[in-house]
């Protein structure tokens, strides 16, 4: 479960992203476990990386946690009930924007800020982080809305 920020009473499911009640132990929408609460300022969340499987995302989340960086996994897979959707939409590892650079260093030993770019999806307006190889292709598929975008 994600608490929007310290002064807020809004909580969101870490799996489906829908609002839940503070007392909920299981998400009423996707039935995900809500036993752990993490505080984030919702307006400052960014996608650190997108994965094809939850295992890889969980491994990197563990690396971040060991370095004191809070993160959570966001997946549009029906709370695990429709895992095939992960292959199309991806599994996103989310971090606070202020921790982005440090988080990249933790999961990528070859971190170089000149090799990462942020592109904005023209359809859903999401910020998408691309490595240099992805950026150089001149286009990307937004992990949020699954639409192809050209890089200008």
Foldseek 3Di string as FASTA:
>chain_A
DEAQADPDQWDADLEAGHTDHPPDQADPQQRAGPPDYHYHNVVQKAFLDFALDVVVLVVLCVLCVVVVFHKTKYYPQSNVPRSVVCNQLTITIMGGNVCNQVSCVRVPVPDDVVQKDWDADPPPRGTDIDGNVQVVVQWDQHSVPRDIDGDD
